[in-house]
Amino acid sequence: MQARRIVVKVGSALLVDGETGRINRAWLETLIEDLLRLRKRNQQVILVSSGAIALGRRQLGLAKGPLRLEESQAAAAVGQIRLAHAYKELLESRDVTVAQVLLTLEDSERRRRYLNARATLESLLALGALPVINENDTVATAEIRYGDNDRLAARVAQMSGADCLVLLSDVEGLFTADPNRDPHAQFIGEVRQITPEIEAMAGRSASDVGSGGMTTKILAAKIAVSAGCHMCIAAGHHDHPVGRIEAGARCTWFVPTASPVTARKQWIAGTLRPAGAITIDAGALRALLEGKSLLPAGVVNARGRFERGDTVSVLTASGAEIARGIIAYSDADAARIMGRKSSEIEGILGFRGRDEMIHRDDLVLIRHEAPAVAEPLRATT
């Protein structure tokens, strides 16, 4: 795998022994070795892990079979501690800092929570930590009922701009029918378009401890490929499951039509109604045309009502829309810092925000025109 950033999701059926209710430690050690090998190649890794409920139910003495919602939440509260301890012990013994992040699907769908989670992940990766993400099952009622950890992993891949998402499961990929029931089911190695026929091939979970099935994996694939992320469904019960994928083990790949950056910029450009607009000077315009970010120094006006994370139009002095981007400040804060240096932001606003008004990764040019008058590139980064 040549991806720059990889998200690996581990299902409960792999992580927790269905008979004893304990962590499959020997297997988990081989997975950790795989992840550390990726890191040694300067690839960034995020791990999304199930298992809290499966671990906690044993400790609480809850019998096998379906649990009531409040029992699932209680089991998650107990199991989360044991899960986090296992990852901490295995990773820190190898001199890797591990960070636990608890998320729900709601965190990936509400703009402010999404931005906060995205910023946290970016900081952790930049500081060399390995984020281990779990569902916040003690409060996430819908996730527990419907087994959306696959979709959560896809949302994590989406928000982090990952190139590759690997779903390690108790199945080796997508078949034309449930291979446990149909001996004539044919394996599908690559999917380039998720059609109704592909969706119809999804079956139910074959595991007693896992709550997701192929249906949730197809939903995850839709999210991943729309974000420009390759997604792989692979059997994970063998030792070194990621290494096996790299060695050519059978699995199903879902192939996007664009890169993460391209997909993100297509989404930004396609925003039908920007929340507001900012006007930039000629120097900032030239900087944007050179592929650089927009700093507050190059902004001369802001209008409309918008919040951090909204899409805004970027206008030239003549009023022409030159670009659209996701702004890092509200309209009120933008008005206070426009025309000022990034080093002055904290003194003006009272908090340390981003240096950029709009980062180049969050900005897409709508039209390409040269500035009428050349000015110093004071709004670049």
Protein backbone atom coordinates (compact mmCIF):
# COMPACT_ATOMS: atom_id res chain seq x y z
CA MET A 1 0.00 0.00 0.00
CA GLN A 2 1.46 3.31 -1.12
CA ALA A 3 -1.05 5.52 0.67
CA ARG A 4 0.15 8.53 2.64
CA ARG A 5 -2.47 8.12 5.37
CA ILE A 6 -4.18 4.83 6.20
CA VAL A 7 -7.16 4.10 8.44
CA VAL A 8 -7.44 0.50 9.69
CA LYS A 9 -10.66 -0.72 11.28
CA VAL A 10 -10.69 -3.81 13.50
CA GLY A 11 -13.94 -5.68 14.11
CA SER A 12 -15.01 -7.18 17.44
CA ALA A 13 -14.97 -10.71 16.04
CA LEU A 14 -11.22 -10.39 15.44
CA LEU A 15 -10.26 -8.54 18.57
CA VAL A 16 -12.29 -10.51 21.11
CA ASP A 17 -12.45 -14.29 21.49
CA GLY A 18 -16.09 -15.29 21.16
CA GLU A 19 -15.75 -18.13 23.69
CA THR A 20 -13.73 -16.49 26.47
CA GLY A 21 -14.66 -12.84 25.94
CA ARG A 22 -10.98 -11.90 26.24
CA ILE A 23 -8.73 -9.96 23.86
CA ASN A 24 -6.95 -12.08 21.26
CA ARG A 25 -3.62 -10.68 22.40
CA ALA A 26 -1.33 -12.84 20.26
CA TRP A 27 -3.21 -11.80 17.11
CA LEU A 28 -3.34 -8.15 18.20
CA GLU A 29 0.44 -8.10 18.60
CA THR A 30 0.85 -9.09 14.94
CA LEU A 31 -1.53 -6.33 13.86
CA ILE A 32 0.45 -3.78 15.88
CA GLU A 33 3.64 -4.99 14.18
CA ASP A 34 1.97 -4.41 10.80
CA LEU A 35 0.94 -0.87 11.74
CA LEU A 36 4.39 0.00 13.04
CA ARG A 37 5.93 -1.25 9.81
CA LEU A 38 3.73 1.21 7.91
CA ARG A 39 4.84 4.01 10.22
CA LYS A 40 8.50 3.17 9.62
CA ARG A 41 7.80 3.83 5.93
CA ASN A 42 6.59 7.31 6.94
CA GLN A 43 2.95 6.39 6.39
CA GLN A 44 0.50 7.83 8.90
CA VAL A 45 -1.82 5.35 10.60
CA ILE A 46 -5.15 5.73 12.39
CA LEU A 47 -6.74 2.72 14.06
CA VAL A 48 -10.51 2.42 14.51
CA SER A 49 -11.34 -0.32 16.98
CA SER A 50 -14.46 -2.18 18.00
CA GLY A 51 -14.54 -4.48 21.01
CA ALA A 52 -15.56 -2.43 24.03
CA ILE A 53 -19.02 -3.98 24.41
CA ALA A 54 -17.74 -7.49 23.77
CA LEU A 55 -15.05 -7.07 26.44
CA GLY A 56 -17.30 -5.38 28.98
CA ARG A 57 -20.14 -7.89 28.83
CA ARG A 58 -17.88 -10.67 30.08
CA GLN A 59 -16.65 -8.56 32.99
CA LEU A 60 -20.24 -7.73 33.96
CA GLY A 61 -21.38 -11.33 33.59
CA LEU A 62 -23.88 -10.58 30.84
CA ALA A 63 -25.03 -13.72 29.03
CA LYS A 64 -24.53 -14.30 25.32
CA GLY A 65 -27.22 -13.08 23.00
CA PRO A 66 -28.81 -9.69 22.31
CA LEU A 67 -28.36 -7.03 24.98
CA ARG A 68 -30.78 -4.30 25.99
CA LEU A 69 -29.60 -0.81 25.07
CA GLU A 70 -28.71 0.11 28.66
CA GLU A 71 -26.79 -3.16 29.03
CA SER A 72 -24.80 -2.41 25.87
CA GLN A 73 -23.92 1.02 27.18
CA ALA A 74 -22.88 -0.38 30.57
CA ALA A 75 -20.74 -3.02 28.87
CA ALA A 76 -19.12 -0.35 26.70
CA ALA A 77 -18.24 1.74 29.74
CA VAL A 78 -16.46 -1.21 31.37
CA GLY A 79 -14.87 -2.60 28.22
CA GLN A 80 -13.52 0.74 27.02
CA ILE A 81 -11.03 0.85 29.90
CA ARG A 82 -9.70 -2.62 29.13
CA LEU A 83 -9.47 -1.90 25.42
CA ALA A 84 -7.55 1.33 25.95
CA HIS A 85 -5.18 -0.37 28.40
CA ALA A 86 -4.38 -3.14 25.91
CA TYR A 87 -3.47 -0.67 23.16
CA LYS A 88 -1.47 1.51 25.53
CA GLU A 89 0.54 -1.46 26.79
CA LEU A 90 1.31 -2.86 23.35
CA LEU A 91 2.17 0.42 21.64
CA GLU A 92 4.07 2.19 24.40
CA SER A 93 6.24 -0.92 24.90
CA ARG A 94 7.40 -0.17 21.35
CA ASP A 95 8.01 3.53 22.09
CA VAL A 96 4.90 4.72 20.28
CA THR A 97 2.58 7.23 21.91
CA VAL A 98 -1.03 6.11 21.69
CA ALA A 99 -4.00 8.46 21.89
CA GLN A 100 -7.60 7.45 22.51
CA VAL A 101 -10.30 9.40 20.68
CA LEU A 102 -13.98 8.69 21.34
CA LEU A 103 -16.30 9.62 18.48
CA THR A 104 -19.84 9.07 17.31
CA LEU A 105 -21.30 9.49 13.85
CA GLU A 106 -22.85 12.72 15.10
CA ASP A 107 -19.34 14.08 15.67
CA SER A 108 -18.62 13.57 11.99
CA GLU A 109 -21.87 15.11 10.77
CA ARG A 110 -22.12 18.31 12.82
CA ARG A 111 -19.81 20.92 11.37
CA ARG A 112 -18.25 22.28 14.58
CA ARG A 113 -17.65 18.81 16.04
CA TYR A 114 -16.29 17.63 12.71
CA LEU A 115 -13.77 20.48 12.56
CA ASN A 116 -12.65 19.93 16.16
CA ALA A 117 -12.20 16.20 15.60
CA ARG A 118 -10.33 16.81 12.35
CA ALA A 119 -7.99 19.30 14.00
CA THR A 120 -7.31 16.90 16.87
CA LEU A 121 -6.41 14.06 14.52
CA GLU A 122 -4.15 16.29 12.46
CA SER A 123 -2.32 17.45 15.59
CA LEU A 124 -1.90 13.92 16.93
CA LEU A 125 -0.47 12.66 13.65
CA ALA A 126 1.84 15.66 13.32
CA LEU A 127 3.17 14.96 16.83
CA GLY A 128 3.86 11.32 16.00
CA ALA A 129 1.07 9.72 18.02
CA LEU A 130 -1.04 6.80 16.81
CA PRO A 131 -4.73 7.64 17.32
CA VAL A 132 -6.96 4.75 18.37
CA ILE A 133 -10.56 5.68 17.73
CA ASN A 134 -13.52 4.00 19.34
CA GLU A 135 -17.21 4.67 19.15
CA ASN A 136 -18.47 6.46 22.21
CA ASP A 137 -20.88 3.59 22.78
CA THR A 138 -21.96 4.75 26.22
CA VAL A 139 -23.96 7.56 24.58
CA ALA A 140 -24.20 6.60 20.87
CA THR A 141 -27.53 4.79 20.85
CA ALA A 142 -27.95 4.58 17.07
CA GLU A 143 -24.46 3.16 16.56
CA ILE A 144 -25.08 0.36 19.06
CA ARG A 145 -28.43 -0.55 17.51
CA TYR A 146 -27.27 -0.58 13.91
CA GLY A 147 -23.59 -1.55 14.04
CA ASP A 148 -22.20 1.49 12.25
CA ASN A 149 -18.56 1.16 13.26
CA ASP A 150 -17.70 0.50 9.61
CA ARG A 151 -19.37 3.75 8.64
CA LEU A 152 -17.65 5.56 11.50
CA ALA A 153 -14.31 4.34 10.14
CA ALA A 154 -15.24 5.73 6.72
CA ARG A 155 -16.15 9.06 8.30
CA VAL A 156 -12.77 9.10 10.04
CA ALA A 157 -11.07 8.43 6.70
CA GLN A 158 -13.12 11.22 5.17
CA MET A 159 -12.41 13.81 7.86
CA SER A 160 -8.70 12.97 8.02
CA GLY A 161 -8.21 12.99 4.23
CA ALA A 162 -6.96 9.39 4.24
CA ASP A 163 -5.93 7.73 1.00
CA CYS A 164 -6.82 4.21 2.11
CA LEU A 165 -9.32 2.57 4.47
CA VAL A 166 -8.85 -1.08 5.43
CA LEU A 167 -11.79 -2.90 7.04
CA LEU A 168 -10.47 -6.03 8.74
CA SER A 169 -13.38 -8.36 9.28
CA ASP A 170 -14.47 -11.98 9.61
CA VAL A 171 -15.05 -12.11 5.83
CA GLU A 172 -12.46 -11.85 3.06
CA GLY A 173 -14.42 -9.53 0.83
CA LEU A 174 -17.57 -9.10 -1.23
CA PHE A 175 -19.34 -12.05 -2.86
CA THR A 176 -22.27 -12.14 -5.25
CA ALA A 177 -24.22 -13.87 -2.46
CA ASP A 178 -23.64 -14.96 1.14
CA PRO A 179 -20.91 -17.64 0.83
CA ASN A 180 -22.07 -19.21 4.10
CA ARG A 181 -25.39 -20.05 2.47
CA ASP A 182 -24.65 -20.22 -1.23
CA PRO A 183 -21.72 -22.47 -2.27
CA HIS A 184 -21.89 -20.97 -5.78
CA ALA A 185 -21.29 -17.40 -4.57
CA GLN A 186 -18.55 -15.72 -6.61
CA PHE A 187 -15.88 -13.50 -5.14
CA ILE A 188 -15.56 -9.89 -6.38
CA GLY A 189 -12.04 -8.51 -6.22
CA GLU A 190 -12.62 -4.93 -7.39
CA VAL A 191 -15.56 -2.54 -7.42
CA ARG A 192 -15.31 0.69 -9.44
CA GLN A 193 -18.94 1.72 -9.11
CA ILE A 194 -21.37 0.92 -6.29
CA THR A 195 -24.50 0.00 -8.22
CA PRO A 196 -27.84 -1.28 -6.88
CA GLU A 197 -26.64 -4.76 -7.88
CA ILE A 198 -23.56 -4.38 -5.68
CA GLU A 199 -25.70 -3.18 -2.76
CA ALA A 200 -28.02 -6.17 -3.20
CA MET A 201 -25.10 -8.55 -2.62
CA ALA A 202 -24.70 -7.43 1.00
CA GLY A 203 -25.69 -9.93 3.69
CA ARG A 204 -25.97 -9.99 7.46
CA SER A 205 -23.14 -10.34 10.00
CA ALA A 206 -21.95 -13.90 10.45
CA SER A 207 -20.48 -13.18 13.88
CA ASP A 208 -22.02 -13.35 17.34
CA VAL A 209 -19.82 -10.59 18.75
CA GLY A 210 -19.77 -8.23 15.77
CA SER A 211 -22.83 -6.09 15.06
CA GLY A 212 -21.98 -5.01 11.51
CA GLY A 213 -22.46 -6.94 8.28
CA MET A 214 -21.68 -6.44 4.61
CA THR A 215 -24.45 -3.83 4.41
CA THR A 216 -22.55 -1.45 6.71
CA LYS A 217 -19.38 -2.08 4.73
CA ILE A 218 -21.07 -1.09 1.47
CA LEU A 219 -22.33 2.08 3.17
CA ALA A 220 -18.78 2.71 4.35
CA ALA A 221 -17.49 2.21 0.82
CA LYS A 222 -19.90 4.86 -0.49
CA ILE A 223 -18.54 7.38 1.99
CA ALA A 224 -14.91 6.44 1.37
CA VAL A 225 -14.90 6.52 -2.43
CA SER A 226 -16.87 9.77 -2.51
CA ALA A 227 -14.05 11.24 -0.42
CA GLY A 228 -11.43 9.94 -2.87
CA CYS A 229 -10.31 7.15 -0.55
CA HIS A 230 -9.59 3.57 -1.62
CA MET A 231 -11.31 1.02 0.61
CA CYS A 232 -10.45 -2.62 1.20
CA ILE A 233 -12.52 -5.36 2.83
CA ALA A 234 -10.27 -8.18 3.97
CA ALA A 235 -10.25 -11.19 6.27
CA GLY A 236 -8.41 -10.27 9.42
CA HIS A 237 -8.34 -13.49 11.43
CA HIS A 238 -4.88 -14.47 10.15
CA ASP A 239 -1.73 -13.18 11.83
CA HIS A 240 -0.29 -10.02 10.28
CA PRO A 241 -3.54 -9.21 8.45
CA VAL A 242 -2.31 -5.96 6.87
CA GLY A 243 0.91 -7.63 5.74
CA ARG A 244 -1.15 -10.34 4.05
CA ILE A 245 -3.03 -7.71 2.05
CA GLU A 246 0.25 -6.20 0.87
CA ALA A 247 1.45 -9.69 -0.06
CA GLY A 248 -1.55 -10.16 -2.36
CA ALA A 249 -4.09 -11.98 -0.18
CA ARG A 250 -7.61 -12.07 -1.61
CA CYS A 251 -9.68 -9.03 -0.68
CA THR A 252 -12.15 -6.61 -2.25
CA TRP A 253 -11.00 -3.12 -3.27
CA PHE A 254 -13.41 -0.23 -3.82
CA VAL A 255 -11.72 2.24 -6.17
CA PRO A 256 -12.50 5.99 -6.15
CA THR A 257 -12.44 8.16 -9.25
CA ALA A 258 -10.54 11.01 -7.59
CA SER A 259 -7.91 11.64 -4.91
CA PRO A 260 -8.93 12.84 -1.40
CA VAL A 261 -7.83 16.39 -2.16
CA THR A 262 -9.61 16.44 -5.53
CA ALA A 263 -12.81 15.00 -4.05
CA ARG A 264 -12.75 17.55 -1.23
CA LYS A 265 -12.24 20.43 -3.65
CA GLN A 266 -15.04 19.18 -5.90
CA TRP A 267 -17.33 19.26 -2.87
CA ILE A 268 -16.23 22.79 -1.98
CA ALA A 269 -16.70 24.01 -5.56
CA GLY A 270 -20.13 22.40 -5.69
CA THR A 271 -21.52 24.30 -2.71
CA LEU A 272 -24.69 25.83 -4.14
CA ARG A 273 -25.03 28.75 -1.74
CA PRO A 274 -21.89 30.02 0.03
CA ALA A 275 -22.64 31.43 3.47
CA GLY A 276 -20.79 34.68 2.81
CA ALA A 277 -17.99 36.33 0.87
CA ILE A 278 -14.60 37.89 1.44
CA THR A 279 -12.78 40.30 -0.86
CA ILE A 280 -9.04 40.08 -1.35
CA ASP A 281 -6.40 42.44 -2.70
CA ALA A 282 -4.25 41.91 -5.79
CA GLY A 283 -1.32 40.51 -3.85
CA ALA A 284 -3.48 37.84 -2.23
CA LEU A 285 -5.04 37.06 -5.61
CA ARG A 286 -1.64 36.40 -7.11
CA ALA A 287 -0.76 34.17 -4.15
CA LEU A 288 -3.89 32.08 -4.63
CA LEU A 289 -3.13 31.66 -8.32
CA GLU A 290 0.25 30.26 -7.28
CA GLY A 291 -1.45 27.64 -5.12
CA LYS A 292 -0.85 29.25 -1.74
CA SER A 293 -3.10 29.79 1.26
CA LEU A 294 -4.97 32.98 2.06
CA LEU A 295 -3.75 34.86 5.12
CA PRO A 296 -5.72 37.62 6.89
CA ALA A 297 -3.28 40.24 5.56
CA GLY A 298 -4.68 39.89 2.05
CA VAL A 299 -8.37 40.27 3.00
CA VAL A 300 -9.93 43.72 2.62
CA ASN A 301 -13.62 43.03 3.25
CA ALA A 302 -16.00 40.40 4.64
CA ARG A 303 -19.74 40.28 4.22
CA GLY A 304 -22.56 37.91 5.09
CA ARG A 305 -23.06 35.75 8.18
CA PHE A 306 -20.83 32.72 8.43
CA GLU A 307 -19.19 30.52 11.05
CA ARG A 308 -15.89 28.67 11.13
CA GLY A 309 -16.17 25.75 8.72
CA ASP A 310 -18.66 27.40 6.37
CA THR A 311 -17.94 27.72 2.66
CA VAL A 312 -17.46 31.30 1.45
CA SER A 313 -16.86 32.96 -1.90
CA VAL A 314 -13.52 34.68 -2.46
CA LEU A 315 -13.92 37.84 -4.53
CA THR A 316 -11.48 40.09 -6.37
CA ALA A 317 -11.57 43.85 -5.95
CA SER A 318 -13.84 44.01 -9.02
CA GLY A 319 -16.37 41.68 -7.36
CA ALA A 320 -15.62 38.61 -9.50
CA GLU A 321 -15.67 35.26 -7.72
CA ILE A 322 -12.19 33.80 -8.04
CA ALA A 323 -12.44 30.93 -5.55
CA ARG A 324 -14.44 29.19 -2.85
CA GLY A 325 -13.10 27.86 0.39
CA ILE A 326 -13.80 26.66 3.90
CA ILE A 327 -13.06 29.59 6.18
CA ALA A 328 -11.30 29.18 9.51
CA TYR A 329 -13.02 32.11 11.25
CA SER A 330 -16.52 33.46 11.78
CA ASP A 331 -17.62 36.66 10.04
CA ALA A 332 -17.13 38.66 13.25
CA ASP A 333 -13.62 37.36 13.84
CA ALA A 334 -12.70 37.69 10.15
CA ALA A 335 -13.69 41.36 10.24
CA ARG A 336 -11.39 41.95 13.23
CA ILE A 337 -8.28 40.27 11.81
CA MET A 338 -8.50 41.11 8.10
CA GLY A 339 -5.57 43.14 6.88
CA ARG A 340 -3.50 42.08 9.88
CA LYS A 341 -0.52 39.75 10.22
CA SER A 342 -1.08 36.18 11.40
CA SER A 343 1.21 36.83 14.38
CA GLU A 344 -1.32 39.41 15.61
CA ILE A 345 -4.34 37.05 15.64
CA GLU A 346 -3.97 35.86 19.23
CA GLY A 347 -3.59 39.39 20.57
CA ILE A 348 -6.68 40.57 18.68
CA LEU A 349 -9.03 37.63 19.28
CA GLY A 350 -7.71 36.35 22.60
CA PHE A 351 -7.05 32.85 21.28
CA ARG A 352 -4.56 31.24 18.94
CA GLY A 353 -6.40 30.35 15.75
CA ARG A 354 -5.07 29.20 12.40
CA ASP A 355 -2.53 31.36 10.61
CA GLU A 356 -4.57 31.08 7.42
CA MET A 357 -7.97 32.61 6.79
CA ILE A 358 -8.45 29.79 4.26
CA HIS A 359 -5.89 27.01 3.95
CA ARG A 360 -4.92 26.00 0.42
CA ASP A 361 -6.22 22.44 1.05
CA ASP A 362 -9.64 23.96 1.76
CA LEU A 363 -9.71 26.27 -1.24
CA VAL A 364 -10.55 25.72 -4.90
CA LEU A 365 -10.18 28.20 -7.73
CA ILE A 366 -13.38 28.89 -9.67
CA ARG A 367 -11.71 30.86 -12.43
CA HIS A 368 -8.11 31.67 -13.30
CA GLU A 369 -7.34 35.33 -13.85
CA ALA A 370 -4.16 37.30 -13.29
CA PRO A 371 -4.19 40.29 -10.93
CA ALA A 372 -4.39 43.65 -12.66
CA VAL A 373 -1.67 45.17 -10.47
CA ALA A 374 1.22 43.25 -8.96
CA GLU A 375 1.60 43.61 -5.20
CA PRO A 376 3.99 41.99 -2.71
CA LEU A 377 2.98 38.45 -1.82
CA ARG A 378 2.13 39.40 1.74
CA ALA A 379 -0.79 36.97 2.00
CA THR A 380 1.08 33.77 1.38
CA THR A 381 2.11 30.75 3.42
